[in-house]
Protein backbone atom coordinates (compact mmCIF):
# COMPACT_ATOMS: atom_id res chain seq x y z
CA MET A 1 68.46 96.34 72.73
CA ALA A 2 71.56 95.58 70.68
CA ALA A 3 72.48 97.59 67.78
CA LEU A 4 72.30 95.85 64.56
CA PRO A 5 74.71 95.79 62.24
CA PRO A 6 74.71 97.80 58.63
CA VAL A 7 73.21 96.53 56.25
CA GLU A 8 76.76 96.95 54.09
CA THR A 9 80.45 97.68 55.18
CA ARG A 10 83.00 99.16 53.61
CA LEU A 11 85.13 96.74 55.14
CA SER A 12 85.33 93.16 55.18
CA PRO A 13 86.02 91.25 58.74
CA GLU A 14 89.64 90.26 57.08
CA GLU A 15 89.96 93.77 55.94
CA ALA A 16 89.38 95.27 59.63
CA LEU A 17 91.37 92.43 61.23
CA ALA A 18 94.20 93.41 58.87
CA SER A 19 94.49 97.07 60.00
CA ALA A 20 94.02 96.04 63.72
CA ARG A 21 96.95 93.29 63.89
CA PRO A 22 100.07 95.86 63.53
CA LEU A 23 98.27 97.45 66.99
CA ALA A 24 97.87 94.29 69.35
CA SER A 25 99.66 90.93 69.77
CA GLY A 26 97.76 87.87 71.13
CA GLY A 27 95.28 85.57 69.95
CA LEU A 28 92.08 86.73 68.45
CA VAL A 29 89.28 86.72 70.98
CA SER A 30 86.59 88.41 69.10
CA VAL A 31 85.10 90.60 66.32
CA THR A 32 82.40 93.05 66.50
CA TRP A 33 80.80 94.38 63.68
CA PRO A 34 80.25 98.14 63.40
CA GLY A 35 76.89 99.37 64.20
CA GLU A 36 74.81 102.34 62.34
CA SER A 37 75.40 104.51 65.77
CA GLU A 38 79.21 103.67 65.66
CA PRO A 39 80.82 102.58 62.30
CA LYS A 40 83.72 100.98 64.08
CA TRP A 41 84.88 97.61 63.97
CA LYS A 42 85.96 96.21 67.72
CA ILE A 43 88.69 93.54 67.27
CA ALA A 44 89.77 92.19 70.85
CA PHE A 45 93.00 90.32 71.14
CA ALA A 46 94.25 88.19 74.20
CA ARG A 47 96.51 89.54 76.56
CA PRO A 48 97.81 88.89 79.92
CA GLY A 49 94.96 89.95 82.46
CA GLY A 50 92.51 90.64 79.87
CA THR A 51 92.09 91.94 76.43
CA ALA A 52 93.53 94.17 74.09
CA ASP A 53 90.49 95.88 72.31
CA VAL A 54 91.48 97.54 69.05
CA SER A 55 88.85 99.95 67.19
CA VAL A 56 88.78 100.21 63.18
CA ASP A 57 87.18 102.95 61.46
CA ASP A 58 84.97 101.25 58.61
CA ARG A 59 84.99 104.46 56.43
CA SER A 60 88.89 105.06 56.84
CA ALA A 61 90.07 101.64 58.05
CA ALA A 62 91.92 103.67 60.75
CA ALA A 63 92.89 101.59 63.37
CA THR A 64 92.88 103.06 67.03
CA PRO A 65 95.53 101.21 69.34
CA PRO A 66 94.46 99.44 72.80
CA LYS A 67 94.25 101.43 75.83
CA ALA A 68 97.05 100.75 78.18
CA PRO A 69 96.14 98.09 81.17
CA ARG A 70 94.91 99.57 84.04
CA PRO A 71 97.51 99.03 87.08
CA GLU A 72 96.75 97.08 89.96
CA THR A 73 95.19 99.19 92.70
CA THR A 74 94.18 98.38 96.21
CA ALA A 75 90.70 98.22 95.25
CA ARG A 76 90.82 95.90 92.36
CA LEU A 77 93.08 93.56 94.43
CA ILE A 78 90.64 93.44 96.94
CA ARG A 79 87.82 92.76 94.35
CA SER A 80 89.87 89.92 92.71
CA ILE A 81 90.33 88.12 96.30
CA HIS A 82 86.46 88.76 96.83
CA ASP A 83 85.15 87.28 93.33
CA GLY A 84 88.50 85.08 92.88
CA SER A 85 89.18 86.28 89.04
CA GLY A 86 92.70 85.40 88.04
CA MET A 87 93.14 83.57 91.20
CA GLY A 88 92.63 79.72 90.09
CA THR A 89 90.52 76.86 91.13
CA PRO A 90 92.22 76.56 94.61
CA TRP A 91 91.48 80.18 95.88
CA GLN A 92 87.97 79.98 94.11
CA MET A 93 87.00 76.74 96.33
CA VAL A 94 88.01 78.82 99.24
CA ILE A 95 85.77 81.43 98.08
CA PHE A 96 82.67 78.87 97.29
CA ILE A 97 83.20 77.00 100.88
CA GLY A 98 83.52 80.66 102.51
CA GLY A 99 80.18 81.73 101.33
CA LEU A 100 78.51 78.19 102.38
CA ILE A 101 79.62 78.57 106.09
CA PRO A 102 77.12 80.93 107.20
CA ALA A 103 74.13 79.07 105.73
CA LEU A 104 75.39 76.09 107.38
CA LEU A 105 75.89 77.39 110.77
CA ALA A 106 72.47 79.38 110.51
CA VAL A 107 70.87 75.48 110.93
CA PRO A 108 72.70 74.62 114.06
CA GLY A 109 72.22 78.32 115.62
CA ILE A 110 68.38 78.08 114.91
CA LEU A 111 68.34 74.66 116.51
CA MET A 112 70.20 76.03 119.60
CA TRP A 113 67.66 79.06 119.65
CA LEU A 114 64.67 76.80 119.55
CA HIS A 115 66.33 74.34 122.52
CA ILE A 116 66.90 77.09 124.85
CA ARG A 117 63.51 78.64 124.22
CA ARG A 118 61.43 75.28 124.72
CA GLY A 119 63.56 74.81 128.04
CA ARG A 120 62.54 78.17 129.38
CA ALA A 121 59.11 77.66 128.46
CA ARG A 122 59.36 74.39 130.67
CA ALA A 123 60.74 76.27 133.46
CA GLY A 124 58.40 78.99 133.17
CA VAL A 125 61.04 82.07 132.52
CA ALA A 126 60.13 84.63 130.24
CA GLY A 127 62.45 85.47 127.42
């Protein structure tokens, strides 16, 4: 269940954005209101490879800088190759077609199996 924003915040969205703007560059992606359990604004800015998330305390207007982007590891590279994230439309089409191939090959495989089975049944061979 999502946390509801408090009835009243000390900062307006514009004030929270003004506190966060010096810590991140790029276009504004989203602004998340503070909740009752965590009274912090979360403001996301676009950056290459994702977003830069800045937290702004609703009580003090203190902004926390975004975390550094994670380095590219072998596991992340394999994941992006597998799901096509950040690879562009041609690679995503290759992944899509590659996903269809096993399903398409299953049909002739079953038909071949049935054909061989019928031939063996006619010849009286067990198997």
